[in-house]
PDB file of all heavy atoms in Angstrom:
ATOM      1  N   SER A   1       0.864  -1.200   0.030  1.00  0.00           N
ATOM      2  CA  SER A   1      -0.026  -0.005  -0.027  1.00  0.00           C
ATOM      3  C   SER A   1       0.889   1.286   0.006  1.00  0.00           C
ATOM      4  O   SER A   1       2.045   1.161   0.349  1.00  0.00           O
ATOM      5  CB  SER A   1      -0.904   0.001   1.234  1.00  0.00           C
ATOM      6  OG  SER A   1      -0.202   0.303   2.364  1.00  0.00           O
ATOM      7  N   MET A   2       0.292   2.333  -0.405  1.00  0.00           N
ATOM      8  CA  MET A   2       1.117   3.561  -0.476  1.00  0.00           C
ATOM      9  C   MET A   2       1.610   3.979   0.912  1.00  0.00           C
ATOM     10  O   MET A   2       2.726   4.484   1.052  1.00  0.00           O
ATOM     11  CB  MET A   2       0.307   4.666  -1.141  1.00  0.00           C
ATOM     12  CG  MET A   2       1.198   5.909  -1.508  1.00  0.00           C
ATOM     13  SD  MET A   2       2.579   5.489  -2.547  1.00  0.00           S
ATOM     14  CE  MET A   2       1.752   5.256  -4.144  1.00  0.00           C
ATOM     15  N   GLU A   3       0.747   3.823   1.960  1.00  0.00           N
ATOM     16  CA  GLU A   3       1.258   4.198   3.274  1.00  0.00           C
ATOM     17  C   GLU A   3       2.463   3.362   3.669  1.00  0.00           C
ATOM     18  O   GLU A   3       3.448   3.953   4.225  1.00  0.00           O
ATOM     19  CB  GLU A   3       0.069   4.016   4.337  1.00  0.00           C
ATOM     20  CG  GLU A   3      -1.153   4.798   4.038  1.00  0.00           C
ATOM     21  CD  GLU A   3      -2.226   3.869   3.377  1.00  0.00           C
ATOM     22  OE1 GLU A   3      -1.849   3.148   2.460  1.00  0.00           O
ATOM     23  OE2 GLU A   3      -3.379   3.940   3.874  1.00  0.00           O
ATOM     24  N   ASP A   4       2.370   2.063   3.415  1.00  0.00           N
ATOM     25  CA  ASP A   4       3.505   1.163   3.771  1.00  0.00           C
ATOM     26  C   ASP A   4       4.763   1.502   2.983  1.00  0.00           C
ATOM     27  O   ASP A   4       5.904   1.482   3.485  1.00  0.00           O
ATOM     28  CB  ASP A   4       3.111  -0.267   3.593  1.00  0.00           C
ATOM     29  CG  ASP A   4       2.047  -0.678   4.477  1.00  0.00           C
ATOM     30  OD1 ASP A   4       1.849  -0.192   5.562  1.00  0.00           O
ATOM     31  OD2 ASP A   4       1.206  -1.612   4.085  1.00  0.00           O
ATOM     32  N   PHE A   5       4.554   1.845   1.684  1.00  0.00           N
ATOM     33  CA  PHE A   5       5.674   2.256   0.869  1.00  0.00           C
ATOM     34  C   PHE A   5       6.420   3.455   1.391  1.00  0.00           C
ATOM     35  O   PHE A   5       7.587   3.521   1.473  1.00  0.00           O
ATOM     36  CB  PHE A   5       5.074   2.484  -0.601  1.00  0.00           C
ATOM     37  CG  PHE A   5       6.084   2.900  -1.591  1.00  0.00           C
ATOM     38  CD1 PHE A   5       6.932   1.917  -2.220  1.00  0.00           C
ATOM     39  CD2 PHE A   5       6.278   4.163  -2.010  1.00  0.00           C
ATOM     40  CE1 PHE A   5       7.834   2.274  -3.162  1.00  0.00           C
ATOM     41  CE2 PHE A   5       7.197   4.577  -2.969  1.00  0.00           C
ATOM     42  CZ  PHE A   5       8.018   3.655  -3.562  1.00  0.00           C
ATOM     43  N   VAL A   6       5.596   4.456   1.773  1.00  0.00           N
ATOM     44  CA  VAL A   6       6.223   5.705   2.265  1.00  0.00           C
ATOM     45  C   VAL A   6       6.844   5.459   3.649  1.00  0.00           C
ATOM     46  O   VAL A   6       7.920   5.978   3.905  1.00  0.00           O
ATOM     47  CB  VAL A   6       5.141   6.828   2.332  1.00  0.00           C
ATOM     48  CG1 VAL A   6       5.663   8.030   3.085  1.00  0.00           C
ATOM     49  CG2 VAL A   6       4.689   7.207   0.914  1.00  0.00           C
ATOM     50  N   ARG A   7       6.193   4.733   4.510  1.00  0.00           N
ATOM     51  CA  ARG A   7       6.823   4.454   5.836  1.00  0.00           C
ATOM     52  C   ARG A   7       8.085   3.730   5.698  1.00  0.00           C
ATOM     53  O   ARG A   7       9.044   3.964   6.423  1.00  0.00           O
ATOM     54  CB  ARG A   7       5.858   3.592   6.663  1.00  0.00           C
ATOM     55  CG  ARG A   7       4.639   4.407   7.201  1.00  0.00           C
ATOM     56  CD  ARG A   7       3.914   3.616   8.285  1.00  0.00           C
ATOM     57  NE  ARG A   7       2.549   4.111   8.468  1.00  0.00           N
ATOM     58  CZ  ARG A   7       1.436   3.504   8.045  1.00  0.00           C
ATOM     59  NH1 ARG A   7       1.554   2.384   7.361  1.00  0.00           N
ATOM     60  NH2 ARG A   7       0.290   4.007   8.278  1.00  0.00           N
ATOM     61  N   GLN A   8       8.190   2.798   4.729  1.00  0.00           N
ATOM     62  CA  GLN A   8       9.434   2.106   4.510  1.00  0.00           C
ATOM     63  C   GLN A   8      10.563   3.078   4.075  1.00  0.00           C
ATOM     64  O   GLN A   8      11.674   2.971   4.630  1.00  0.00           O
ATOM     65  CB  GLN A   8       9.232   1.028   3.431  1.00  0.00           C
ATOM     66  CG  GLN A   8      10.388   0.076   3.145  1.00  0.00           C
ATOM     67  CD  GLN A   8      10.109  -0.826   1.992  1.00  0.00           C
ATOM     68  OE1 GLN A   8       9.878  -0.364   0.845  1.00  0.00           O
ATOM     69  NE2 GLN A   8      10.124  -2.090   2.267  1.00  0.00           N
ATOM     70  N   ARG A   9      10.233   3.951   3.180  1.00  0.00           N
ATOM     71  CA  ARG A   9      11.271   4.938   2.748  1.00  0.00           C
ATOM     72  C   ARG A   9      11.553   5.858   3.889  1.00  0.00           C
ATOM     73  O   ARG A   9      12.778   6.283   4.023  1.00  0.00           O
ATOM     74  CB  ARG A   9      10.716   5.734   1.535  1.00  0.00           C
ATOM     75  CG  ARG A   9      11.081   5.195   0.163  1.00  0.00           C
ATOM     76  CD  ARG A   9      10.595   3.817  -0.031  1.00  0.00           C
ATOM     77  NE  ARG A   9      10.979   3.265  -1.298  1.00  0.00           N
ATOM     78  CZ  ARG A   9      10.741   2.013  -1.671  1.00  0.00           C
ATOM     79  NH1 ARG A   9      10.098   1.230  -0.880  1.00  0.00           N
ATOM     80  NH2 ARG A   9      11.151   1.615  -2.910  1.00  0.00           N
ATOM     81  N   GLN A  10      10.632   6.242   4.687  1.00  0.00           N
ATOM     82  CA  GLN A  10      10.954   7.073   5.825  1.00  0.00           C
ATOM     83  C   GLN A  10      11.884   6.373   6.840  1.00  0.00           C
ATOM     84  O   GLN A  10      12.826   6.965   7.350  1.00  0.00           O
ATOM     85  CB  GLN A  10       9.671   7.561   6.548  1.00  0.00           C
ATOM     86  CG  GLN A  10       8.823   8.489   5.854  1.00  0.00           C
ATOM     87  CD  GLN A  10       7.557   8.855   6.541  1.00  0.00           C
ATOM     88  OE1 GLN A  10       6.804   7.924   7.007  1.00  0.00           O
ATOM     89  NE2 GLN A  10       7.230  10.120   6.751  1.00  0.00           N
ATOM     90  N   ARG A  11      11.702   5.078   6.958  1.00  0.00           N
ATOM     91  CA  ARG A  11      12.578   4.300   7.824  1.00  0.00           C
ATOM     92  C   ARG A  11      13.975   4.203   7.252  1.00  0.00           C
ATOM     93  O   ARG A  11      14.976   4.424   8.003  1.00  0.00           O
ATOM     94  CB  ARG A  11      12.021   2.869   8.053  1.00  0.00           C
ATOM     95  CG  ARG A  11      12.763   2.074   9.116  1.00  0.00           C
ATOM     96  CD  ARG A  11      12.170   0.740   9.281  1.00  0.00           C
ATOM     97  NE  ARG A  11      12.484  -0.193   8.191  1.00  0.00           N
ATOM     98  CZ  ARG A  11      11.553  -0.737   7.413  1.00  0.00           C
ATOM     99  NH1 ARG A  11      10.249  -0.556   7.611  1.00  0.00           N
ATOM    100  NH2 ARG A  11      11.911  -1.587   6.401  1.00  0.00           N
ATOM    101  N   TRP A  12      14.092   4.022   5.957  1.00  0.00           N
ATOM    102  CA  TRP A  12      15.395   4.021   5.338  1.00  0.00           C
ATOM    103  C   TRP A  12      16.061   5.390   5.469  1.00  0.00           C
ATOM    104  O   TRP A  12      17.243   5.473   5.756  1.00  0.00           O
ATOM    105  CB  TRP A  12      15.281   3.664   3.858  1.00  0.00           C
ATOM    106  CG  TRP A  12      14.800   2.289   3.559  1.00  0.00           C
ATOM    107  CD1 TRP A  12      14.642   1.318   4.504  1.00  0.00           C
ATOM    108  CD2 TRP A  12      14.439   1.703   2.332  1.00  0.00           C
ATOM    109  NE1 TRP A  12      14.174   0.152   3.832  1.00  0.00           N
ATOM    110  CE2 TRP A  12      14.020   0.443   2.527  1.00  0.00           C
ATOM    111  CE3 TRP A  12      14.299   2.294   1.031  1.00  0.00           C
ATOM    112  CZ2 TRP A  12      13.605  -0.424   1.526  1.00  0.00           C
ATOM    113  CZ3 TRP A  12      13.921   1.442  -0.022  1.00  0.00           C
ATOM    114  CH2 TRP A  12      13.528   0.075   0.219  1.00  0.00           C
ATOM    115  N   ALA A  13      15.342   6.444   5.229  1.00  0.00           N
ATOM    116  CA  ALA A  13      15.914   7.815   5.386  1.00  0.00           C
ATOM    117  C   ALA A  13      16.365   8.081   6.842  1.00  0.00           C
ATOM    118  O   ALA A  13      17.422   8.602   7.046  1.00  0.00           O
ATOM    119  CB  ALA A  13      14.855   8.817   4.955  1.00  0.00           C
ATOM    120  N   ASN A  14      15.487   7.731   7.816  1.00  0.00           N
ATOM    121  CA  ASN A  14      15.885   7.952   9.214  1.00  0.00           C
ATOM    122  C   ASN A  14      17.176   7.188   9.549  1.00  0.00           C
ATOM    123  O   ASN A  14      18.014   7.677  10.221  1.00  0.00           O
ATOM    124  CB  ASN A  14      14.755   7.495  10.117  1.00  0.00           C
ATOM    125  CG  ASN A  14      13.577   8.469  10.084  1.00  0.00           C
ATOM    126  OD1 ASN A  14      13.702   9.605   9.777  1.00  0.00           O
ATOM    127  ND2 ASN A  14      12.416   7.983  10.395  1.00  0.00           N
ATOM    128  N   GLY A  15      17.233   5.914   9.124  1.00  0.00           N
ATOM    129  CA  GLY A  15      18.396   5.102   9.396  1.00  0.00           C
ATOM    130  C   GLY A  15      19.656   5.637   8.750  1.00  0.00           C
ATOM    131  O   GLY A  15      20.749   5.635   9.385  1.00  0.00           O
ATOM    132  N   THR A  16      19.569   6.073   7.523  1.00  0.00           N
ATOM    133  CA  THR A  16      20.752   6.646   6.832  1.00  0.00           C
ATOM    134  C   THR A  16      21.238   7.888   7.512  1.00  0.00           C
ATOM    135  O   THR A  16      22.431   8.151   7.692  1.00  0.00           O
ATOM    136  CB  THR A  16      20.459   6.821   5.388  1.00  0.00           C
ATOM    137  OG1 THR A  16      19.944   5.615   4.830  1.00  0.00           O
ATOM    138  CG2 THR A  16      21.704   7.186   4.588  1.00  0.00           C
ATOM    139  N   LEU A  17      20.291   8.769   7.744  1.00  0.00           N
ATOM    140  CA  LEU A  17      20.633  10.059   8.435  1.00  0.00           C
ATOM    141  C   LEU A  17      21.168   9.871   9.838  1.00  0.00           C
ATOM    142  O   LEU A  17      22.064  10.499  10.249  1.00  0.00           O
ATOM    143  CB  LEU A  17      19.398  11.005   8.480  1.00  0.00           C
ATOM    144  CG  LEU A  17      18.895  11.412   7.124  1.00  0.00           C
ATOM    145  CD1 LEU A  17      17.547  12.146   7.248  1.00  0.00           C
ATOM    146  CD2 LEU A  17      19.901  12.311   6.403  1.00  0.00           C
ATOM    147  N   GLN A  18      20.545   8.883  10.586  1.00  0.00           N
ATOM    148  CA  GLN A  18      21.041   8.593  11.915  1.00  0.00           C
ATOM    149  C   GLN A  18      22.503   8.138  11.937  1.00  0.00           C
ATOM    150  O   GLN A  18      23.278   8.378  12.833  1.00  0.00           O
ATOM    151  CB  GLN A  18      20.205   7.531  12.657  1.00  0.00           C
ATOM    152  CG  GLN A  18      20.509   7.182  14.063  1.00  0.00           C
ATOM    153  CD  GLN A  18      20.393   5.714  14.340  1.00  0.00           C
ATOM    154  OE1 GLN A  18      20.522   4.848  13.411  1.00  0.00           O
ATOM    155  NE2 GLN A  18      20.128   5.331  15.598  1.00  0.00           N
ATOM    156  N   SER A  19      22.890   7.405  10.816  1.00  0.00           N
ATOM    157  CA  SER A  19      24.283   6.899  10.768  1.00  0.00           C
ATOM    158  C   SER A  19      25.342   8.008  10.828  1.00  0.00           C
ATOM    159  O   SER A  19      26.479   7.694  11.166  1.00  0.00           O
ATOM    160  CB  SER A  19      24.419   6.111   9.454  1.00  0.00           C
ATOM    161  OG  SER A  19      24.471   6.916   8.362  1.00  0.00           O
ATOM    162  N   LEU A  20      24.968   9.225  10.507  1.00  0.00           N
ATOM    163  CA  LEU A  20      25.948  10.315  10.520  1.00  0.00           C
ATOM    164  C   LEU A  20      26.602  10.498  11.853  1.00  0.00           C
ATOM    165  O   LEU A  20      27.709  10.896  11.975  1.00  0.00           O
ATOM    166  CB  LEU A  20      25.354  11.629  10.027  1.00  0.00           C
ATOM    167  CG  LEU A  20      24.969  11.674   8.520  1.00  0.00           C
ATOM    168  CD1 LEU A  20      24.187  12.976   8.240  1.00  0.00           C
ATOM    169  CD2 LEU A  20      26.160  11.533   7.627  1.00  0.00           C
ATOM    170  N   GLY A  21      25.824  10.205  12.920  1.00  0.00           N
ATOM    171  CA  GLY A  21      26.333  10.431  14.270  1.00  0.00           C
ATOM    172  C   GLY A  21      26.881   9.187  14.932  1.00  0.00           C
ATOM    173  O   GLY A  21      27.342   9.188  16.162  1.00  0.00           O
ATOM    174  N   LEU A  22      26.933   8.065  14.192  1.00  0.00           N
ATOM    175  CA  LEU A  22      27.416   6.771  14.747  1.00  0.00           C
ATOM    176  C   LEU A  22      28.944   6.567  14.529  1.00  0.00           C
ATOM    177  O   LEU A  22      29.392   7.058  13.551  1.00  0.00           O
ATOM    178  CB  LEU A  22      26.624   5.580  14.147  1.00  0.00           C
ATOM    179  CG  LEU A  22      25.124   5.604  14.462  1.00  0.00           C
ATOM    180  CD1 LEU A  22      24.426   4.447  13.724  1.00  0.00           C
ATOM    181  CD2 LEU A  22      24.809   5.559  15.968  1.00  0.00           C
ATOM    182  N   PRO A  23      29.548   5.864  15.433  1.00  0.00           N
ATOM    183  CA  PRO A  23      31.033   5.718  15.269  1.00  0.00           C
ATOM    184  C   PRO A  23      31.377   4.907  13.940  1.00  0.00           C
ATOM    185  O   PRO A  23      32.406   5.143  13.399  1.00  0.00           O
ATOM    186  CB  PRO A  23      31.417   4.788  16.505  1.00  0.00           C
ATOM    187  CG  PRO A  23      30.355   5.086  17.498  1.00  0.00           C
ATOM    188  CD  PRO A  23      29.059   5.344  16.694  1.00  0.00           C
ATOM    189  N   HIS A  24      30.431   4.070  13.501  1.00  0.00           N
ATOM    190  CA  HIS A  24      30.696   3.302  12.269  1.00  0.00           C
ATOM    191  C   HIS A  24      29.999   3.963  11.058  1.00  0.00           C
ATOM    192  O   HIS A  24      29.891   3.347  10.047  1.00  0.00           O
ATOM    193  CB  HIS A  24      30.226   1.846  12.387  1.00  0.00           C
ATOM    194  CG  HIS A  24      31.001   1.085  13.443  1.00  0.00           C
ATOM    195  ND1 HIS A  24      32.357   0.900  13.351  1.00  0.00           N
ATOM    196  CD2 HIS A  24      30.649   0.484  14.523  1.00  0.00           C
ATOM    197  CE1 HIS A  24      32.774   0.142  14.343  1.00  0.00           C
ATOM    198  NE2 HIS A  24      31.752  -0.109  15.111  1.00  0.00           N
ATOM    199  N   GLY A  25      29.476   5.186  11.234  1.00  0.00           N
ATOM    200  CA  GLY A  25      28.846   5.861  10.142  1.00  0.00           C
ATOM    201  C   GLY A  25      29.798   6.434   9.081  1.00  0.00           C
ATOM    202  O   GLY A  25      30.958   6.424   9.273  1.00  0.00           O
TER     203      GLY A  25
END
């Protein structure tokens, strides 16, 4: 569904952006 599609991309975006502050980012 479109909601699930967008939530999945939001999760990917959040994870990638969060990595900037991680020691292994």
